[in-house]
Structures are given as C-alpha cells and as structure tokens.
Amino acid sequence: MPELRKDPVVGRWVIIATERAQRPSDFAAQPVRPVGSECVFCEGNEHKTPPEILAARSAASRPNEPGWSYRVVPNKFPALRIEGELEPTGEGLFDRMNGVGAHEVVIEAPEHTASLATLPVTAVADVLGAFRERLRDLKKDPRLEYVLVFKNHGEPAGASLEHPHSQLIATPIIPIMVAEELAGAARYFELKERCVWCDILRQERRGGRRTIVEAGGFVALAPFAPRFPFETWILPAVHRAGFDESGVDELRGLAGLLGDFLRRMNRVLGDPPFNFMLHTAPLRGGELESFHWHLEVIPKLTRVAGFEWGSGFFINPVPPEDAAEALRAGTG
C-alpha cells in the first residue's frame, strides 16, 4: 500500500508509491555526448569567458590564461546583475525591485571530461573552497541576503554545457524554500531547544536503514520523506549553520565523502543527470542555533507533473530505505 510521509523540517507530505516501486536498473543511463571542440570552459579558451573573479593557478600562470585547476567567472547570461540599486517600489498590492544580485560560474576543472566523481580529493576540496570564498566575499555586499550554490549535471537536469561546472546566484531576498526550512527549524528549536537536523542525524545514525555512508565528519543519508527517488542529503556530523565557516579539514572531509557518494550513485544509476543545492545560513542574522547547512542531491529520474504542481505533494516510486540500501552496496 502507498504510504504518506511527513518531512520533519518543513512539514511537507510526500507519497511513497510502493506499488510503483522501481529498481535502480529501471532508470536508464543517459547517453554520453561527444566532446565539443569549441567548449568555452576548456583550458585555452579563457578569452571566451568574462574575466575571472577567482582561480587556483600554477605560480607561473597569469589570470585569464591556461594553467588553472578551477576558475570562477561571472555568468555571461546572468539571471541577476551586480550593478545598480534595488529601488523597491509598489504597484498597489504588488511589489517589485531591480534585479540586483550576482550570478557566477565555478568551472571545476580544465579537463572537459572530468567530474567531481573522478577528480582527486584535493581538487574537489579546492572547488568547495571556491564556494566558501565566494560566500565570504558576497557576504560583504549589504544588498545581498542569500547565496545559493547549485550544480546542474546533464541536459535533463538543466545543464546547457557539459564541461564540469557549478553555479551560484546571490539574491537580495531569502529564497522561499530556504525560508521554509528556516521557519520549520526555528519552530522545532523553540519546542525542543535542539537543531532538527542534529536530531535527524542522531536518529538515522542509530537506526542505519537510511544512512548511506559516513566519513570525514560528514554523513550522506536518504531522507525519511524524499520528494524524488534517490534524493540524498549530505550533512556535517557536528552542528554548523554556515558553510562559509568550514575549515580546510572539513572541506577535505566533505570532498572525500562527496566523491565517494557520486561514484556510488553513478554505479547504481549509470551516471544520471542530477542537481545539487547547497542550503546554508543566510548572509545576515548572525549564528543560527536552529539551522544546519546541508547539501541536497537529486538525481533527475522522474518528472514533476500536474498533481505535484497543483498540490505540493510529490510521488516517489522508490522508498528511501531501498535507495539507501542500493547506494550502500554501490561502494564508492
């Protein structure tokens, strides 16, 4: 029989449709597209991107030339622009403001066929360090309230270029999905005087059915009420609200676990298209005892259709216990 499950953070209900249950092999892998010779992100094509904001380079190299291991550049077609002022205005009951913010691309490696699953741990840690440094820098801009780091891997997941890259968008308001998490976590903290994610970690590590892998001070688990098949959360094992507070050892630990998890996912699902999103504390407001930063990884295996859009319910054909079991077996 199908089962309704409630997310303990935001209170969202999902339907675990066990009668529609699918095996990992039922999700077909995407065909690999040939490497393009004119990729703007490949080493040697630095002149085809806007000037870099941040990069890790060899001592002999110069900015915007070859010799880098990662680069951060402004998005050539930004959703929001860094120039200007917000100038909020009203139109009756409607609100509007200028589209001020930041939209940047993190080019994760010079090699076109590299990935976070195959890069050395040190290289992945460097990319994570770039996320941290951009968060810290954008925090200095008083116009901005939030920075979302995200990755689209594969065309079905929204990637327009196949070269390994992730993005960040800084916004002058807190996104609604993060606001819902903040509100849910605050309610839980007011009731229990504990972080809800810390309690989730405590229960899941004790039970083990939905825990996938734990290493380097981080835990990957299948959430109790996942919206999508094989949805996974990666969290620091100790409480931390802001990703920008992470130290070098933490970044290296996260890099090791993230690479391990992505290799497991590739073995089980055949290099699926996926999105990941980094939910960290807002840029303003100081330390949050109630919030716990986390990375959400969502393979693009099913489609959101009319029922989901109309109701806010999600129908997931793979119980998280089954997903976790498969991913545990797909040793990284």
Protein backbone atom coordinates (compact mmCIF):
# COMPACT_ATOMS: atom_id res chain seq x y z
CA MET A 1 0.00 0.00 0.00
CA PRO A 2 1.28 3.54 -0.69
CA GLU A 3 2.46 5.49 2.34
CA LEU A 4 2.24 9.17 3.26
CA ARG A 5 5.32 10.56 4.99
CA LYS A 6 5.89 13.98 6.54
CA ASP A 7 9.16 15.89 6.28
CA PRO A 8 10.13 16.87 9.85
CA VAL A 9 11.75 20.16 8.80
CA VAL A 10 9.20 21.95 6.60
CA GLY A 11 6.15 19.75 7.26
CA ARG A 12 5.76 18.78 3.60
CA TRP A 13 3.99 15.48 2.92
CA VAL A 14 5.11 13.07 0.21
CA ILE A 15 3.64 9.87 -1.18
CA ILE A 16 5.90 6.83 -1.22
CA ALA A 17 4.22 4.87 -4.02
CA THR A 18 5.47 1.38 -3.19
CA GLU A 19 3.15 -0.17 -5.78
CA ARG A 20 5.05 1.78 -8.44
CA ALA A 21 8.39 0.74 -6.96
CA GLN A 22 11.26 0.67 -9.44
CA ARG A 23 14.65 -0.99 -9.27
CA PRO A 24 17.79 1.10 -9.86
CA SER A 25 18.25 -0.65 -13.20
CA ASP A 26 14.87 0.68 -14.33
CA PHE A 27 16.33 4.18 -14.55
CA ALA A 28 18.18 4.23 -17.88
CA ALA A 29 21.51 5.99 -18.04
CA GLN A 30 21.82 8.97 -20.34
CA PRO A 31 23.99 8.51 -23.45
CA VAL A 32 27.34 10.27 -23.30
CA ARG A 33 27.59 13.10 -25.80
CA PRO A 34 30.82 13.61 -27.74
CA VAL A 35 33.26 16.21 -26.51
CA GLY A 36 32.87 19.52 -28.28
CA SER A 37 36.00 21.22 -29.64
CA GLU A 38 34.65 24.73 -29.03
CA CYS A 39 33.77 24.46 -25.34
CA VAL A 40 34.15 27.92 -23.82
CA PHE A 41 35.13 26.44 -20.43
CA CYS A 42 38.03 24.29 -21.68
CA GLU A 43 41.61 25.31 -20.94
CA GLY A 44 42.89 27.54 -23.71
CA ASN A 45 39.51 29.23 -24.23
CA GLU A 46 39.78 31.61 -21.28
CA HIS A 47 39.24 34.57 -23.62
CA LYS A 48 35.72 33.26 -24.33
CA THR A 49 34.53 33.83 -20.76
CA PRO A 50 34.23 37.06 -18.77
CA PRO A 51 37.37 37.88 -16.71
CA GLU A 52 37.83 35.51 -13.77
CA ILE A 53 36.88 36.54 -10.24
CA LEU A 54 38.83 33.78 -8.50
CA ALA A 55 41.08 30.94 -9.64
CA ALA A 56 43.57 28.35 -8.43
CA ARG A 57 46.63 28.63 -10.66
CA SER A 58 50.20 27.50 -11.06
CA ALA A 59 52.74 30.08 -9.93
CA ALA A 60 53.90 30.71 -13.50
CA SER A 61 50.43 31.32 -14.97
CA ARG A 62 48.63 34.62 -15.36
CA PRO A 63 44.93 35.46 -14.86
CA ASN A 64 42.63 34.51 -17.74
CA GLU A 65 45.23 32.26 -19.33
CA PRO A 66 45.91 28.48 -19.15
CA GLY A 67 47.47 26.95 -16.03
CA TRP A 68 44.47 26.78 -13.69
CA SER A 69 42.74 23.99 -11.76
CA TYR A 70 39.46 25.88 -11.26
CA ARG A 71 38.10 29.28 -12.28
CA VAL A 72 35.18 31.40 -11.06
CA VAL A 73 33.78 33.76 -13.69
CA PRO A 74 30.63 35.88 -14.00
CA ASN A 75 27.85 34.14 -15.88
CA LYS A 76 27.76 35.52 -19.41
CA PHE A 77 23.94 35.49 -19.32
CA PRO A 78 23.17 36.37 -15.69
CA ALA A 79 19.80 35.95 -14.03
CA LEU A 80 20.68 38.92 -11.78
CA ARG A 81 23.26 41.69 -12.23
CA ILE A 82 25.70 43.03 -9.67
CA GLU A 83 25.38 46.64 -10.87
CA GLY A 84 22.75 49.04 -9.56
CA GLU A 85 20.49 49.51 -6.56
CA LEU A 86 17.37 47.57 -5.59
CA GLU A 87 14.97 50.57 -5.60
CA PRO A 88 11.92 48.62 -4.37
CA THR A 89 8.58 50.05 -5.46
CA GLY A 90 4.94 49.15 -5.05
CA GLU A 91 2.10 48.90 -7.53
CA GLY A 92 -0.99 48.60 -5.39
CA LEU A 93 -0.60 45.27 -3.62
CA PHE A 94 2.26 44.19 -5.93
CA ASP A 95 5.94 44.62 -5.07
CA ARG A 96 8.89 44.89 -7.40
CA MET A 97 12.59 45.81 -7.33
CA ASN A 98 15.52 45.88 -9.69
CA GLY A 99 17.14 42.54 -10.48
CA VAL A 100 20.28 43.17 -8.48
CA GLY A 101 22.37 40.21 -7.34
CA ALA A 102 25.22 38.07 -8.60
CA HIS A 103 25.39 35.07 -10.94
CA GLU A 104 28.70 33.25 -11.19
CA VAL A 105 30.04 30.04 -12.71
CA VAL A 106 32.58 27.79 -10.99
CA ILE A 107 34.49 25.90 -13.70
CA GLU A 108 35.52 22.86 -11.70
CA ALA A 109 38.39 21.53 -13.83
CA PRO A 110 40.24 22.35 -17.06
CA GLU A 111 39.52 18.87 -18.48
CA HIS A 112 36.27 18.60 -20.42
CA THR A 113 35.52 15.03 -19.29
CA ALA A 114 36.42 15.44 -15.61
CA SER A 115 33.80 15.31 -12.86
CA LEU A 116 33.53 15.68 -9.10
CA ALA A 117 33.24 11.88 -9.00
CA THR A 118 36.62 11.36 -10.69
CA LEU A 119 38.71 14.36 -9.61
CA PRO A 120 41.26 13.84 -6.81
CA VAL A 121 40.05 14.70 -3.32
CA THR A 122 42.37 17.71 -3.22
CA ALA A 123 40.85 19.12 -6.42
CA VAL A 124 37.28 18.65 -5.15
CA ALA A 125 38.28 20.31 -1.86
CA ASP A 126 39.63 23.26 -3.85
CA VAL A 127 36.28 23.62 -5.66
CA LEU A 128 34.45 23.51 -2.32
CA GLY A 129 36.90 26.11 -1.07
CA ALA A 130 35.93 28.32 -4.01
CA PHE A 131 32.28 28.06 -2.91
CA ARG A 132 33.32 29.12 0.60
CA GLU A 133 35.42 32.06 -0.59
CA ARG A 134 32.68 33.39 -2.84
CA LEU A 135 30.16 33.14 0.02
CA ARG A 136 32.51 35.07 2.28
CA ASP A 137 33.14 37.76 -0.33
CA LEU A 138 29.49 38.23 -1.34
CA LYS A 139 28.55 38.47 2.34
CA LYS A 140 30.29 41.88 2.34
CA ASP A 141 27.68 43.29 -0.07
CA PRO A 142 24.85 44.77 2.07
CA ARG A 143 22.38 44.46 -0.81
CA LEU A 144 22.50 40.67 -0.71
CA GLU A 145 20.67 38.34 1.66
CA TYR A 146 21.41 34.85 0.36
CA VAL A 147 23.76 32.85 -1.88
CA LEU A 148 22.61 29.55 -3.38
CA VAL A 149 25.34 27.30 -4.77
CA PHE A 150 24.00 24.67 -7.15
CA LYS A 151 25.04 22.23 -9.84
CA ASN A 152 23.13 21.00 -12.90
CA HIS A 153 24.69 17.83 -14.30
CA GLY A 154 23.32 16.58 -17.60
CA GLU A 155 20.92 18.20 -20.02
CA PRO A 156 17.73 16.84 -18.35
CA ALA A 157 18.90 18.50 -15.12
CA GLY A 158 19.28 21.88 -16.82
CA ALA A 159 22.95 21.89 -17.83
CA SER A 160 23.47 23.87 -21.04
CA LEU A 161 27.19 22.97 -21.19
CA GLU A 162 28.66 19.56 -20.38
CA HIS A 163 32.05 20.81 -19.15
CA PRO A 164 32.09 20.24 -15.35
CA HIS A 165 30.84 23.37 -13.64
CA SER A 166 28.56 24.61 -10.90
CA GLN A 167 26.97 27.98 -10.30
CA LEU A 168 25.96 30.39 -7.59
CA ILE A 169 23.28 33.04 -7.55
CA ALA A 170 23.21 35.71 -4.85
CA THR A 171 19.79 37.24 -4.19
CA PRO A 172 18.54 40.31 -2.31
CA ILE A 173 15.86 38.18 -0.62
CA ILE A 174 15.91 34.77 1.07
CA PRO A 175 14.51 32.15 -1.35
CA ILE A 176 11.14 30.71 -0.30
CA MET A 177 12.40 27.12 0.00
CA VAL A 178 15.19 28.20 2.33
CA ALA A 179 12.77 30.45 4.23
CA GLU A 180 10.51 27.44 4.81
CA GLU A 181 13.46 25.45 6.16
CA LEU A 182 14.47 28.33 8.41
CA ALA A 183 10.92 28.69 9.75
CA GLY A 184 10.50 24.95 10.31
CA ALA A 185 13.85 24.69 12.05
CA ALA A 186 13.01 27.69 14.27
CA ARG A 187 9.68 26.11 15.29
CA TYR A 188 11.42 22.85 16.15
CA PHE A 189 14.13 24.64 18.13
CA GLU A 190 11.55 26.64 20.08
CA LEU A 191 9.80 23.38 21.03
CA LYS A 192 12.80 21.11 21.66
CA GLU A 193 15.73 23.53 22.12
CA ARG A 194 17.66 21.39 19.65
CA CYS A 195 18.53 21.54 15.96
CA VAL A 196 16.15 19.40 13.89
CA TRP A 197 18.94 18.24 11.56
CA CYS A 198 21.09 17.22 14.55
CA ASP A 199 18.16 15.14 15.80
CA ILE A 200 17.65 13.63 12.33
CA LEU A 201 21.33 12.69 12.23
CA ARG A 202 21.17 11.19 15.71
CA GLN A 203 18.15 9.02 14.85
CA GLU A 204 19.35 7.99 11.39
CA ARG A 205 22.85 7.05 12.56
CA ARG A 206 21.31 4.96 15.32
CA GLY A 207 18.82 3.23 13.01
CA GLY A 208 21.02 2.90 9.95
CA ARG A 209 18.34 1.96 7.40
CA ARG A 210 18.57 5.25 5.51
CA THR A 211 22.24 6.05 6.17
CA ILE A 212 24.35 5.62 3.02
CA VAL A 213 27.91 6.46 4.03
CA GLU A 214 29.67 8.31 6.85
CA ALA A 215 33.25 9.54 6.59
CA GLY A 216 35.44 12.57 7.22
CA GLY A 217 32.98 14.18 9.62
CA PHE A 218 30.04 14.02 7.18
CA VAL A 219 27.00 11.80 6.70
CA ALA A 220 25.10 11.01 3.49
CA LEU A 221 21.57 9.74 4.07
CA ALA A 222 18.30 9.19 2.27
CA PRO A 223 15.76 11.50 3.95
CA PHE A 224 12.71 9.92 5.59
CA ALA A 225 10.27 11.77 3.29
CA PRO A 226 12.13 12.27 -0.02
CA ARG A 227 10.41 14.10 -2.86
CA PHE A 228 12.35 12.22 -5.53
CA PRO A 229 13.85 8.74 -5.99
CA PHE A 230 17.40 8.52 -4.62
CA GLU A 231 17.23 12.03 -3.15
CA THR A 232 20.15 12.33 -0.72
CA TRP A 233 21.20 14.78 1.97
CA ILE A 234 24.85 15.31 2.92
CA LEU A 235 25.35 16.99 6.31
CA PRO A 236 28.24 17.78 8.65
CA ALA A 237 28.10 15.39 11.60
CA VAL A 238 28.58 18.28 14.04
CA HIS A 239 26.32 21.31 14.13
CA ARG A 240 27.26 24.13 11.80
CA ALA A 241 24.88 26.74 10.38
CA GLY A 242 27.02 28.36 7.70
CA PHE A 243 29.05 26.62 5.01
CA ASP A 244 31.32 29.67 4.92
CA GLU A 245 32.56 28.72 8.41
CA SER A 246 34.06 25.44 7.14
CA GLY A 247 37.76 24.88 7.74
CA VAL A 248 40.32 23.24 5.48
CA ASP A 249 39.98 19.83 7.15
CA GLU A 250 36.19 19.98 6.86
CA LEU A 251 36.36 20.80 3.15
CA ARG A 252 38.70 17.88 2.58
CA GLY A 253 36.39 15.56 4.54
CA LEU A 254 33.39 16.73 2.53
CA ALA A 255 35.33 16.34 -0.72
CA GLY A 256 36.13 12.72 0.10
CA LEU A 257 32.57 11.83 1.02
CA LEU A 258 31.02 13.72 -1.91
CA GLY A 259 33.26 11.95 -4.42
CA ASP A 260 32.51 8.60 -2.77
CA PHE A 261 28.76 9.25 -2.90
CA LEU A 262 28.78 10.39 -6.54
CA ARG A 263 30.68 7.27 -7.58
CA ARG A 264 28.14 5.13 -5.75
CA MET A 265 25.30 6.95 -7.50
CA ASN A 266 26.98 6.50 -10.88
CA ARG A 267 27.46 2.78 -10.32
CA VAL A 268 23.86 2.27 -9.22
CA LEU A 269 22.12 4.64 -11.65
CA GLY A 270 24.57 4.89 -14.56
CA ASP A 271 25.82 8.50 -14.35
CA PRO A 272 22.34 10.03 -14.08
CA PRO A 273 21.56 13.70 -14.63
CA PHE A 274 21.29 15.35 -11.23
CA ASN A 275 21.08 18.63 -9.36
CA PHE A 276 22.71 19.52 -6.11
CA MET A 277 21.89 22.54 -3.98
CA LEU A 278 23.80 23.89 -1.00
CA HIS A 279 21.45 25.18 1.68
CA THR A 280 23.43 27.34 4.07
CA ALA A 281 22.52 30.04 6.56
CA PRO A 282 21.50 33.48 5.22
CA LEU A 283 24.18 36.15 4.89
CA ARG A 284 22.62 38.26 7.65
CA GLY A 285 21.39 37.46 11.14
CA GLY A 286 24.44 36.03 12.85
CA GLU A 287 24.83 32.49 14.19
CA LEU A 288 21.72 30.32 13.95
CA GLU A 289 21.44 27.59 16.58
CA SER A 290 18.44 26.15 14.77
CA PHE A 291 19.90 25.83 11.25
CA HIS A 292 22.32 23.18 9.95
CA TRP A 293 23.81 23.58 6.48
CA HIS A 294 23.37 20.65 4.11
CA LEU A 295 23.80 19.59 0.51
CA GLU A 296 20.77 18.14 -1.28
CA VAL A 297 21.50 15.83 -4.23
CA ILE A 298 18.57 14.97 -6.51
CA PRO A 299 19.00 12.62 -9.49
CA LYS A 300 16.70 13.56 -12.35
CA LEU A 301 14.85 10.24 -12.73
CA THR A 302 11.16 11.19 -12.74
CA ARG A 303 9.05 14.11 -13.96
CA VAL A 304 7.08 16.59 -11.91
CA ALA A 305 3.56 16.66 -13.38
CA GLY A 306 0.13 18.14 -12.76
CA PHE A 307 -0.58 16.55 -9.40
CA GLU A 308 2.73 17.70 -7.95
CA TRP A 309 2.41 21.23 -9.33
CA GLY A 310 -1.20 21.52 -8.23
CA SER A 311 -0.97 20.00 -4.76
CA GLY A 312 2.57 20.39 -3.48
CA PHE A 313 2.65 16.63 -2.89
CA PHE A 314 5.41 14.61 -4.52
CA ILE A 315 5.02 10.99 -5.61
CA ASN A 316 8.21 8.99 -5.15
CA PRO A 317 8.26 5.42 -6.54
CA VAL A 318 11.40 4.38 -4.62
CA PRO A 319 11.26 4.05 -0.80
CA PRO A 320 14.29 5.77 0.73
CA GLU A 321 15.22 2.58 2.57
CA ASP A 322 15.58 0.79 -0.78
CA ALA A 323 17.55 3.69 -2.27
CA ALA A 324 19.93 3.76 0.69
CA GLU A 325 20.45 0.01 0.54
CA ALA A 326 21.32 0.18 -3.17
CA LEU A 327 23.71 3.10 -2.66
CA ARG A 328 25.41 1.41 0.29
CA ALA A 329 26.05 -1.60 -1.95
CA GLY A 330 27.45 0.59 -4.75
CA THR A 331 30.72 1.08 -2.90
CA GLY A 332 32.50 4.27 -3.91
